[in-house]
N, C-alpha and C. Protein backbone atom coordinates (compact mmCIF):
# COMPACT_ATOMS: atom_id res chain seq x y z
N MET A 1 19.16 -1.89 26.63
CA MET A 1 18.31 -0.95 25.90
C MET A 1 16.88 -1.04 26.42
N LYS A 2 16.27 0.13 26.62
CA LYS A 2 14.87 0.15 27.05
C LYS A 2 13.98 0.49 25.86
N LEU A 3 13.21 -0.50 25.44
CA LEU A 3 12.27 -0.33 24.33
C LEU A 3 10.86 -0.32 24.90
N VAL A 4 10.11 0.71 24.54
CA VAL A 4 8.74 0.86 25.03
C VAL A 4 7.76 0.75 23.86
N ILE A 5 6.69 0.01 24.07
CA ILE A 5 5.56 -0.01 23.13
C ILE A 5 4.44 0.76 23.79
N ILE A 6 3.99 1.84 23.14
CA ILE A 6 2.92 2.66 23.72
C ILE A 6 1.62 1.85 23.72
N ASN A 7 1.07 1.69 24.91
CA ASN A 7 -0.13 0.88 25.10
C ASN A 7 -1.30 1.82 25.38
N TYR A 8 -2.00 2.23 24.32
CA TYR A 8 -3.10 3.20 24.51
C TYR A 8 -4.45 2.61 24.13
N GLY A 9 -4.50 1.30 23.94
CA GLY A 9 -5.78 0.65 23.68
C GLY A 9 -6.11 0.43 22.23
N ALA A 10 -5.18 0.73 21.31
CA ALA A 10 -5.46 0.55 19.88
C ALA A 10 -4.31 -0.11 19.16
N GLY A 11 -3.79 -1.18 19.72
CA GLY A 11 -2.65 -1.81 19.05
C GLY A 11 -2.67 -3.31 19.14
N ASN A 12 -2.04 -3.94 18.14
CA ASN A 12 -1.84 -5.40 18.19
C ASN A 12 -0.49 -5.61 18.86
N ILE A 13 -0.40 -5.16 20.10
CA ILE A 13 0.91 -5.05 20.75
C ILE A 13 1.55 -6.38 21.07
N LYS A 14 0.77 -7.43 21.25
CA LYS A 14 1.36 -8.73 21.60
C LYS A 14 2.27 -9.24 20.48
N SER A 15 1.81 -9.16 19.23
CA SER A 15 2.64 -9.68 18.13
C SER A 15 3.92 -8.85 17.97
N ILE A 16 3.84 -7.55 18.26
CA ILE A 16 5.04 -6.70 18.20
C ILE A 16 5.99 -7.09 19.32
N GLN A 17 5.42 -7.30 20.50
CA GLN A 17 6.24 -7.69 21.66
C GLN A 17 6.97 -9.02 21.38
N PHE A 18 6.25 -9.99 20.79
CA PHE A 18 6.87 -11.29 20.47
C PHE A 18 7.97 -11.14 19.43
N ALA A 19 7.75 -10.25 18.44
CA ALA A 19 8.76 -10.05 17.39
C ALA A 19 10.06 -9.53 18.00
N PHE A 20 9.97 -8.61 18.96
CA PHE A 20 11.19 -8.10 19.61
C PHE A 20 11.80 -9.14 20.55
N LYS A 21 10.95 -9.95 21.15
CA LYS A 21 11.47 -11.02 22.03
C LYS A 21 12.35 -11.98 21.21
N ARG A 22 11.93 -12.26 19.97
CA ARG A 22 12.72 -13.12 19.08
C ARG A 22 14.08 -12.47 18.78
N LEU A 23 14.15 -11.13 18.87
CA LEU A 23 15.42 -10.42 18.65
C LEU A 23 16.19 -10.23 19.97
N GLY A 24 15.66 -10.80 21.06
CA GLY A 24 16.36 -10.74 22.34
C GLY A 24 16.07 -9.49 23.16
N ILE A 25 15.01 -8.75 22.80
CA ILE A 25 14.67 -7.52 23.52
C ILE A 25 13.30 -7.68 24.20
N ASN A 26 13.25 -7.39 25.49
CA ASN A 26 11.96 -7.39 26.20
C ASN A 26 11.36 -5.99 26.14
N ALA A 27 10.35 -5.82 25.31
CA ALA A 27 9.70 -4.52 25.17
C ALA A 27 8.71 -4.32 26.30
N VAL A 28 8.70 -3.12 26.87
CA VAL A 28 7.79 -2.77 27.96
C VAL A 28 6.53 -2.14 27.38
N LEU A 29 5.36 -2.65 27.78
CA LEU A 29 4.09 -2.04 27.36
C LEU A 29 3.70 -1.01 28.40
N THR A 30 3.48 0.23 27.96
CA THR A 30 3.14 1.26 28.94
C THR A 30 2.40 2.42 28.28
N ASN A 31 1.63 3.15 29.09
CA ASN A 31 1.07 4.43 28.63
C ASN A 31 1.49 5.53 29.61
N THR A 32 2.50 5.23 30.44
CA THR A 32 2.99 6.19 31.42
C THR A 32 3.95 7.18 30.77
N ILE A 33 3.64 8.45 30.85
CA ILE A 33 4.42 9.48 30.16
C ILE A 33 5.89 9.44 30.55
N ASP A 34 6.20 9.34 31.84
CA ASP A 34 7.61 9.33 32.28
C ASP A 34 8.37 8.13 31.74
N GLU A 35 7.70 6.98 31.71
CA GLU A 35 8.34 5.76 31.21
C GLU A 35 8.62 5.86 29.71
N ILE A 36 7.68 6.45 28.97
CA ILE A 36 7.87 6.64 27.53
C ILE A 36 9.02 7.62 27.28
N LYS A 37 9.05 8.73 28.02
CA LYS A 37 10.13 9.72 27.88
C LYS A 37 11.50 9.12 28.15
N ALA A 38 11.57 8.18 29.11
CA ALA A 38 12.85 7.60 29.54
C ALA A 38 13.35 6.47 28.62
N ALA A 39 12.52 6.04 27.67
CA ALA A 39 12.89 4.91 26.81
C ALA A 39 13.98 5.30 25.82
N ASP A 40 14.77 4.30 25.41
CA ASP A 40 15.77 4.52 24.35
C ASP A 40 15.12 4.54 22.98
N LYS A 41 14.08 3.69 22.82
CA LYS A 41 13.36 3.58 21.54
C LYS A 41 11.88 3.41 21.86
N VAL A 42 11.02 3.93 20.98
CA VAL A 42 9.57 3.88 21.22
C VAL A 42 8.86 3.33 19.99
N ILE A 43 7.96 2.38 20.22
CA ILE A 43 7.08 1.87 19.17
C ILE A 43 5.68 2.43 19.40
N PHE A 44 5.11 3.01 18.35
CA PHE A 44 3.76 3.58 18.40
C PHE A 44 2.87 2.74 17.47
N PRO A 45 2.22 1.71 18.03
CA PRO A 45 1.43 0.80 17.19
C PRO A 45 0.04 1.37 16.93
N GLY A 46 -0.76 0.64 16.20
CA GLY A 46 -2.14 1.07 16.02
C GLY A 46 -2.90 0.12 15.12
N VAL A 47 -4.04 -0.29 15.59
CA VAL A 47 -4.97 -1.10 14.81
C VAL A 47 -6.35 -0.57 15.17
N GLY A 48 -7.20 -0.41 14.18
CA GLY A 48 -8.55 0.07 14.48
C GLY A 48 -8.88 1.32 13.69
N GLU A 49 -9.71 2.15 14.25
CA GLU A 49 -10.25 3.32 13.55
C GLU A 49 -9.57 4.59 14.05
N ALA A 50 -9.22 5.47 13.13
CA ALA A 50 -8.38 6.64 13.44
C ALA A 50 -8.99 7.56 14.50
N SER A 51 -10.27 7.95 14.36
CA SER A 51 -10.81 8.96 15.27
C SER A 51 -10.92 8.43 16.70
N SER A 52 -11.30 7.15 16.86
CA SER A 52 -11.40 6.61 18.22
C SER A 52 -10.01 6.41 18.82
N ALA A 53 -9.02 6.02 17.99
CA ALA A 53 -7.65 5.87 18.48
C ALA A 53 -7.10 7.23 18.91
N MET A 54 -7.37 8.28 18.14
CA MET A 54 -6.90 9.63 18.49
C MET A 54 -7.55 10.09 19.79
N LYS A 55 -8.81 9.76 19.97
CA LYS A 55 -9.51 10.12 21.21
C LYS A 55 -8.82 9.48 22.42
N MET A 56 -8.41 8.21 22.27
CA MET A 56 -7.72 7.53 23.37
C MET A 56 -6.38 8.20 23.67
N LEU A 57 -5.69 8.66 22.62
CA LEU A 57 -4.41 9.37 22.82
C LEU A 57 -4.65 10.68 23.57
N GLN A 58 -5.70 11.39 23.17
CA GLN A 58 -6.01 12.69 23.80
C GLN A 58 -6.39 12.51 25.27
N GLU A 59 -7.15 11.47 25.56
CA GLU A 59 -7.58 11.25 26.95
C GLU A 59 -6.41 10.97 27.89
N SER A 60 -5.33 10.40 27.33
CA SER A 60 -4.17 10.07 28.17
C SER A 60 -3.05 11.11 28.07
N GLY A 61 -3.25 12.15 27.25
CA GLY A 61 -2.23 13.19 27.08
C GLY A 61 -1.08 12.76 26.16
N LEU A 62 -1.20 11.57 25.57
CA LEU A 62 -0.13 11.07 24.70
C LEU A 62 -0.07 11.84 23.38
N ASP A 63 -1.18 12.46 22.98
CA ASP A 63 -1.17 13.26 21.75
C ASP A 63 -0.22 14.45 21.86
N LYS A 64 -0.05 14.97 23.09
CA LYS A 64 0.89 16.09 23.32
C LYS A 64 2.32 15.57 23.46
N LEU A 65 2.47 14.40 24.07
CA LEU A 65 3.80 13.85 24.34
C LEU A 65 4.51 13.36 23.07
N ILE A 66 3.84 12.55 22.26
CA ILE A 66 4.50 11.84 21.16
C ILE A 66 5.28 12.79 20.24
N PRO A 67 4.70 13.93 19.78
CA PRO A 67 5.47 14.80 18.88
C PRO A 67 6.71 15.43 19.51
N THR A 68 6.83 15.38 20.85
CA THR A 68 7.98 16.01 21.52
C THR A 68 9.12 15.03 21.79
N LEU A 69 8.91 13.76 21.49
CA LEU A 69 9.92 12.74 21.81
C LEU A 69 11.20 12.97 20.99
N LYS A 70 12.33 12.72 21.61
CA LYS A 70 13.63 12.97 20.96
C LYS A 70 14.32 11.68 20.51
N GLN A 71 13.92 10.54 21.09
CA GLN A 71 14.53 9.26 20.72
C GLN A 71 13.86 8.72 19.45
N PRO A 72 14.44 7.69 18.80
CA PRO A 72 13.77 7.11 17.64
C PRO A 72 12.39 6.55 17.99
N VAL A 73 11.40 6.91 17.17
CA VAL A 73 10.01 6.47 17.36
C VAL A 73 9.58 5.81 16.05
N LEU A 74 8.98 4.62 16.16
CA LEU A 74 8.48 3.92 14.97
C LEU A 74 6.97 3.73 15.08
N GLY A 75 6.24 4.38 14.18
CA GLY A 75 4.79 4.20 14.09
C GLY A 75 4.49 3.06 13.13
N ILE A 76 3.60 2.17 13.53
CA ILE A 76 3.25 1.01 12.71
C ILE A 76 1.77 1.07 12.35
N CYS A 77 1.46 0.95 11.05
CA CYS A 77 0.10 0.89 10.52
C CYS A 77 -0.69 2.14 10.94
N LEU A 78 -1.75 1.99 11.74
CA LEU A 78 -2.52 3.16 12.17
C LEU A 78 -1.65 4.14 12.97
N GLY A 79 -0.65 3.61 13.68
CA GLY A 79 0.29 4.49 14.39
C GLY A 79 0.94 5.48 13.44
N MET A 80 1.40 4.98 12.28
CA MET A 80 1.99 5.86 11.28
C MET A 80 0.95 6.87 10.77
N GLN A 81 -0.25 6.40 10.49
CA GLN A 81 -1.28 7.30 9.95
C GLN A 81 -1.63 8.41 10.93
N LEU A 82 -1.65 8.09 12.23
CA LEU A 82 -1.97 9.10 13.24
C LEU A 82 -0.85 10.14 13.36
N MET A 83 0.36 9.80 12.89
CA MET A 83 1.49 10.74 12.92
C MET A 83 1.42 11.73 11.76
N CYS A 84 0.47 11.53 10.83
CA CYS A 84 0.31 12.42 9.68
C CYS A 84 -0.57 13.62 10.07
N ASN A 85 -0.75 14.55 9.13
CA ASN A 85 -1.53 15.77 9.42
C ASN A 85 -3.01 15.49 9.65
N HIS A 86 -3.59 14.66 8.77
CA HIS A 86 -5.04 14.48 8.79
C HIS A 86 -5.38 13.15 8.14
N SER A 87 -6.43 12.49 8.63
CA SER A 87 -6.91 11.27 7.99
C SER A 87 -8.37 11.44 7.60
N GLU A 88 -8.69 10.95 6.40
CA GLU A 88 -10.10 10.94 5.97
C GLU A 88 -10.93 10.01 6.85
N GLU A 89 -10.28 9.07 7.52
CA GLU A 89 -11.02 8.13 8.38
C GLU A 89 -11.52 8.89 9.61
N GLY A 90 -12.83 9.06 9.68
CA GLY A 90 -13.44 9.78 10.80
C GLY A 90 -13.05 11.26 10.83
N ASN A 91 -12.58 11.80 9.67
CA ASN A 91 -12.17 13.21 9.58
C ASN A 91 -11.28 13.58 10.77
N THR A 92 -10.18 12.86 10.92
CA THR A 92 -9.34 12.92 12.12
C THR A 92 -8.13 13.82 11.93
N GLN A 93 -7.98 14.77 12.85
CA GLN A 93 -6.79 15.61 12.89
C GLN A 93 -5.67 14.76 13.50
N GLY A 94 -4.53 14.65 12.78
CA GLY A 94 -3.42 13.83 13.26
C GLY A 94 -2.44 14.61 14.11
N LEU A 95 -1.32 13.98 14.42
CA LEU A 95 -0.29 14.59 15.27
C LEU A 95 0.60 15.57 14.51
N GLY A 96 0.55 15.55 13.18
CA GLY A 96 1.29 16.53 12.38
C GLY A 96 2.80 16.32 12.34
N ILE A 97 3.26 15.12 12.65
CA ILE A 97 4.70 14.83 12.60
C ILE A 97 5.14 14.68 11.15
N PHE A 98 4.32 14.01 10.35
CA PHE A 98 4.58 13.89 8.91
C PHE A 98 3.63 14.83 8.18
N ASP A 99 4.18 15.61 7.26
CA ASP A 99 3.40 16.62 6.55
C ASP A 99 2.71 16.00 5.34
N VAL A 100 1.71 15.18 5.63
CA VAL A 100 1.02 14.46 4.55
C VAL A 100 -0.38 14.08 5.03
N ALA A 101 -1.29 13.94 4.06
CA ALA A 101 -2.67 13.54 4.38
C ALA A 101 -2.85 12.04 4.15
N VAL A 102 -3.79 11.46 4.89
CA VAL A 102 -4.14 10.05 4.75
C VAL A 102 -5.50 9.97 4.07
N LYS A 103 -5.55 9.23 2.94
CA LYS A 103 -6.77 9.13 2.12
C LYS A 103 -7.27 7.68 2.11
N ARG A 104 -8.51 7.51 1.67
CA ARG A 104 -9.07 6.16 1.55
C ARG A 104 -8.88 5.66 0.13
N PHE A 105 -8.55 4.36 -0.01
CA PHE A 105 -8.52 3.76 -1.34
C PHE A 105 -9.91 3.87 -1.95
N SER A 106 -9.97 3.94 -3.28
CA SER A 106 -11.27 4.02 -3.94
C SER A 106 -11.94 2.65 -3.92
N ASN A 107 -13.20 2.62 -4.32
CA ASN A 107 -13.93 1.35 -4.38
C ASN A 107 -13.60 0.55 -5.64
N ASP A 108 -12.65 1.05 -6.45
CA ASP A 108 -12.22 0.32 -7.65
C ASP A 108 -11.32 -0.86 -7.30
N VAL A 109 -10.83 -0.89 -6.06
CA VAL A 109 -9.98 -2.01 -5.62
C VAL A 109 -10.60 -2.62 -4.37
N LYS A 110 -10.15 -3.85 -4.06
CA LYS A 110 -10.62 -4.51 -2.85
C LYS A 110 -10.08 -3.76 -1.63
N VAL A 111 -11.01 -3.34 -0.76
CA VAL A 111 -10.63 -2.60 0.45
C VAL A 111 -11.15 -3.38 1.65
N PRO A 112 -10.32 -3.64 2.66
CA PRO A 112 -8.93 -3.20 2.78
C PRO A 112 -7.98 -3.97 1.86
N GLN A 113 -6.81 -3.34 1.59
CA GLN A 113 -5.71 -4.10 1.00
C GLN A 113 -5.25 -5.05 2.10
N MET A 114 -5.30 -6.32 1.83
CA MET A 114 -4.94 -7.28 2.87
C MET A 114 -4.04 -8.34 2.27
N GLY A 115 -2.85 -8.49 2.84
CA GLY A 115 -1.94 -9.51 2.35
C GLY A 115 -0.58 -8.92 2.02
N TRP A 116 0.14 -9.61 1.14
CA TRP A 116 1.53 -9.26 0.84
C TRP A 116 1.62 -8.34 -0.36
N ASN A 117 2.46 -7.32 -0.25
CA ASN A 117 2.74 -6.43 -1.38
C ASN A 117 4.19 -5.97 -1.24
N VAL A 118 4.74 -5.44 -2.33
CA VAL A 118 6.17 -5.09 -2.30
C VAL A 118 6.38 -3.62 -1.90
N ILE A 119 7.53 -3.37 -1.29
CA ILE A 119 7.97 -2.00 -1.00
C ILE A 119 9.17 -1.72 -1.90
N ASN A 120 9.26 -0.49 -2.38
CA ASN A 120 10.42 -0.14 -3.21
C ASN A 120 10.79 1.31 -3.03
N ASP A 121 11.88 1.71 -3.70
CA ASP A 121 12.44 3.06 -3.56
C ASP A 121 12.83 3.31 -2.10
N LEU A 122 13.55 2.34 -1.52
CA LEU A 122 13.90 2.38 -0.10
C LEU A 122 15.01 3.40 0.15
N LYS A 123 14.80 4.30 1.14
CA LYS A 123 15.70 5.44 1.33
C LYS A 123 16.05 5.71 2.78
N SER A 124 16.42 4.75 3.57
CA SER A 124 16.71 5.04 4.97
C SER A 124 17.51 3.90 5.57
N ASP A 125 18.24 4.19 6.65
CA ASP A 125 18.94 3.12 7.38
C ASP A 125 17.96 2.11 7.97
N LEU A 126 16.69 2.49 8.05
CA LEU A 126 15.66 1.56 8.51
C LEU A 126 15.63 0.32 7.60
N PHE A 127 16.03 0.50 6.33
CA PHE A 127 15.95 -0.58 5.33
C PHE A 127 17.32 -1.18 4.99
N LYS A 128 18.32 -0.93 5.84
CA LYS A 128 19.65 -1.47 5.60
C LYS A 128 19.57 -3.00 5.47
N GLY A 129 20.08 -3.54 4.37
CA GLY A 129 20.07 -4.99 4.18
C GLY A 129 18.74 -5.56 3.71
N VAL A 130 17.76 -4.68 3.41
CA VAL A 130 16.47 -5.12 2.88
C VAL A 130 16.47 -4.84 1.39
N LYS A 131 16.10 -5.84 0.59
CA LYS A 131 16.14 -5.70 -0.87
C LYS A 131 14.96 -4.86 -1.39
N GLU A 132 15.21 -4.16 -2.49
CA GLU A 132 14.12 -3.50 -3.23
C GLU A 132 13.08 -4.57 -3.61
N ARG A 133 11.84 -4.19 -3.60
CA ARG A 133 10.72 -5.05 -3.97
C ARG A 133 10.58 -6.25 -3.03
N GLU A 134 10.95 -6.03 -1.77
CA GLU A 134 10.75 -7.05 -0.74
C GLU A 134 9.27 -7.07 -0.38
N PHE A 135 8.73 -8.24 -0.08
CA PHE A 135 7.32 -8.35 0.28
C PHE A 135 7.11 -8.04 1.76
N MET A 136 6.08 -7.27 2.05
CA MET A 136 5.67 -6.94 3.41
C MET A 136 4.18 -7.25 3.56
N TYR A 137 3.75 -7.47 4.79
CA TYR A 137 2.35 -7.81 5.06
C TYR A 137 1.58 -6.54 5.43
N LEU A 138 0.48 -6.30 4.73
CA LEU A 138 -0.33 -5.09 4.93
C LEU A 138 -1.80 -5.43 5.17
N VAL A 139 -2.45 -4.62 6.00
CA VAL A 139 -3.91 -4.67 6.18
C VAL A 139 -4.35 -3.24 6.41
N HIS A 140 -4.90 -2.58 5.38
CA HIS A 140 -5.33 -1.18 5.57
C HIS A 140 -6.26 -0.72 4.46
N SER A 141 -7.14 0.22 4.83
CA SER A 141 -8.09 0.82 3.88
C SER A 141 -7.70 2.25 3.52
N PHE A 142 -6.78 2.82 4.30
CA PHE A 142 -6.34 4.21 4.13
C PHE A 142 -4.84 4.21 3.91
N TYR A 143 -4.34 5.24 3.22
CA TYR A 143 -2.92 5.29 2.88
C TYR A 143 -2.41 6.72 2.98
N ALA A 144 -1.12 6.87 3.24
CA ALA A 144 -0.48 8.19 3.22
C ALA A 144 -0.06 8.49 1.78
N GLU A 145 -0.37 9.69 1.33
CA GLU A 145 0.00 10.08 -0.03
C GLU A 145 1.52 10.19 -0.18
N LYS A 146 1.99 10.10 -1.42
CA LYS A 146 3.42 10.29 -1.66
C LYS A 146 3.80 11.72 -1.24
N CYS A 147 4.99 11.86 -0.64
CA CYS A 147 5.40 13.17 -0.11
C CYS A 147 6.92 13.19 0.05
N ASP A 148 7.44 14.35 0.44
CA ASP A 148 8.89 14.52 0.61
C ASP A 148 9.46 13.61 1.69
N GLU A 149 8.66 13.23 2.67
CA GLU A 149 9.15 12.41 3.79
C GLU A 149 9.06 10.90 3.52
N MET A 150 8.65 10.56 2.30
CA MET A 150 8.50 9.15 1.93
C MET A 150 9.87 8.46 1.84
N ILE A 151 10.00 7.31 2.53
CA ILE A 151 11.25 6.54 2.44
C ILE A 151 11.01 5.14 1.85
N ALA A 152 9.77 4.83 1.50
CA ALA A 152 9.43 3.61 0.75
C ALA A 152 8.05 3.82 0.16
N LYS A 153 7.82 3.19 -0.99
CA LYS A 153 6.49 3.31 -1.59
C LYS A 153 5.99 1.94 -2.01
N THR A 154 4.68 1.86 -2.15
CA THR A 154 3.99 0.64 -2.55
C THR A 154 2.92 1.02 -3.55
N ASP A 155 2.60 0.10 -4.45
CA ASP A 155 1.59 0.35 -5.47
C ASP A 155 0.37 -0.53 -5.21
N TYR A 156 -0.76 0.12 -4.95
CA TYR A 156 -2.04 -0.59 -4.85
C TYR A 156 -3.08 0.39 -5.36
N GLU A 157 -3.47 0.24 -6.60
CA GLU A 157 -4.33 1.20 -7.30
C GLU A 157 -3.53 2.44 -7.67
N ILE A 158 -2.82 3.01 -6.72
CA ILE A 158 -1.93 4.14 -6.95
C ILE A 158 -0.65 3.89 -6.15
N GLU A 159 0.39 4.66 -6.44
CA GLU A 159 1.58 4.59 -5.60
C GLU A 159 1.34 5.44 -4.36
N TYR A 160 1.68 4.90 -3.19
CA TYR A 160 1.52 5.65 -1.95
C TYR A 160 2.75 5.44 -1.08
N ALA A 161 2.86 6.24 -0.03
CA ALA A 161 4.00 6.15 0.89
C ALA A 161 3.76 5.01 1.87
N SER A 162 4.55 3.93 1.74
CA SER A 162 4.41 2.82 2.70
C SER A 162 5.38 2.96 3.86
N ALA A 163 6.28 3.99 3.80
CA ALA A 163 7.12 4.31 4.96
C ALA A 163 7.49 5.79 4.88
N LEU A 164 7.62 6.40 6.06
CA LEU A 164 7.89 7.84 6.17
C LEU A 164 8.98 8.06 7.21
N GLN A 165 9.72 9.17 7.05
CA GLN A 165 10.67 9.56 8.09
C GLN A 165 10.76 11.08 8.17
N ASN A 166 10.75 11.58 9.40
CA ASN A 166 11.00 12.98 9.68
C ASN A 166 11.87 13.03 10.93
N ASP A 167 13.14 13.35 10.77
CA ASP A 167 14.11 13.36 11.87
C ASP A 167 14.11 12.00 12.59
N ASN A 168 13.79 11.99 13.88
CA ASN A 168 13.82 10.76 14.68
C ASN A 168 12.53 9.96 14.59
N PHE A 169 11.57 10.43 13.78
CA PHE A 169 10.28 9.75 13.65
C PHE A 169 10.23 8.93 12.36
N TYR A 170 9.84 7.68 12.50
CA TYR A 170 9.71 6.76 11.37
C TYR A 170 8.30 6.20 11.40
N GLY A 171 7.77 5.87 10.24
CA GLY A 171 6.46 5.25 10.18
C GLY A 171 6.44 4.23 9.06
N VAL A 172 5.79 3.09 9.31
CA VAL A 172 5.61 2.08 8.27
C VAL A 172 4.14 1.68 8.22
N GLN A 173 3.60 1.61 7.00
CA GLN A 173 2.20 1.21 6.83
C GLN A 173 2.05 -0.29 7.02
N PHE A 174 3.07 -1.04 6.63
CA PHE A 174 3.02 -2.50 6.74
C PHE A 174 3.32 -2.95 8.17
N HIS A 175 3.16 -4.24 8.41
CA HIS A 175 3.40 -4.81 9.73
C HIS A 175 4.74 -5.56 9.72
N PRO A 176 5.83 -4.93 10.15
CA PRO A 176 7.11 -5.64 10.14
C PRO A 176 7.09 -6.88 11.02
N GLU A 177 6.30 -6.83 12.09
CA GLU A 177 6.24 -7.97 13.02
C GLU A 177 5.55 -9.19 12.41
N LYS A 178 4.89 -8.99 11.24
CA LYS A 178 4.23 -10.10 10.56
C LYS A 178 4.82 -10.34 9.18
N SER A 179 5.98 -9.72 8.91
CA SER A 179 6.55 -9.74 7.56
C SER A 179 7.82 -10.59 7.46
N ALA A 180 7.83 -11.72 8.13
CA ALA A 180 8.90 -12.71 8.01
C ALA A 180 10.28 -12.10 8.27
N LEU A 181 11.31 -12.63 7.59
CA LEU A 181 12.69 -12.22 7.87
C LEU A 181 12.97 -10.76 7.53
N ALA A 182 12.40 -10.28 6.43
CA ALA A 182 12.63 -8.88 6.04
C ALA A 182 12.04 -7.93 7.06
N GLY A 183 10.87 -8.26 7.58
CA GLY A 183 10.24 -7.44 8.62
C GLY A 183 11.07 -7.43 9.89
N SER A 184 11.58 -8.59 10.23
CA SER A 184 12.44 -8.73 11.42
C SER A 184 13.71 -7.89 11.27
N LYS A 185 14.26 -7.86 10.05
CA LYS A 185 15.45 -7.06 9.76
C LYS A 185 15.16 -5.57 9.97
N ILE A 186 13.98 -5.12 9.58
CA ILE A 186 13.59 -3.71 9.76
C ILE A 186 13.52 -3.38 11.26
N LEU A 187 12.94 -4.27 12.06
CA LEU A 187 12.87 -4.04 13.51
C LEU A 187 14.27 -4.02 14.12
N GLU A 188 15.13 -4.91 13.62
CA GLU A 188 16.53 -4.94 14.09
C GLU A 188 17.23 -3.62 13.74
N ASN A 189 17.02 -3.15 12.51
CA ASN A 189 17.61 -1.87 12.08
C ASN A 189 17.12 -0.73 12.96
N PHE A 190 15.83 -0.75 13.32
CA PHE A 190 15.28 0.29 14.18
C PHE A 190 16.00 0.31 15.52
N LEU A 191 16.29 -0.87 16.05
CA LEU A 191 16.99 -0.95 17.33
C LEU A 191 18.39 -0.34 17.26
N GLU A 192 18.96 -0.33 16.04
CA GLU A 192 20.33 0.16 15.87
C GLU A 192 20.39 1.65 15.49
N LEU A 193 19.26 2.28 15.27
CA LEU A 193 19.26 3.69 14.85
C LEU A 193 19.79 4.58 15.97
């Protein structure tokens, strides 16, 4: 299996690469369009600020490529947020894969949400063998609103979509690569999609 992690300058790609290595898969880091197109599975990571990350995607033409991919694609954290329509962070136009807006948590709670929180209402093969109310590791100040494409939700001040799916596109707000055995199970499930 050829697994590609999109390397566009805004990802914690090493920890994702190590997580797959523990599952026996050597993930290739690349920003080459042909290599991404040829992959069996694609990881779209992201850490940092939405508008500058989107700018990096646009400069490499990846903003045009990603929405056209036909194989399973998993967006993680900012990667998932960039797959949405719009983010309040830097007033950023997203890739429009998920029909939902990304908003900022209010100042009534500690921002960013950092640490462990539960996911529930799990609705996808991505979560096969993962229990309701399993703890996942999160670090984020912005969230995707609840929507029709939501396949998991989390409560932090409000309920929000902590995972999304539209056809072959999946997104998770949490970091499966840092979420112990349950996170590892989600990555394993992704490999089997």
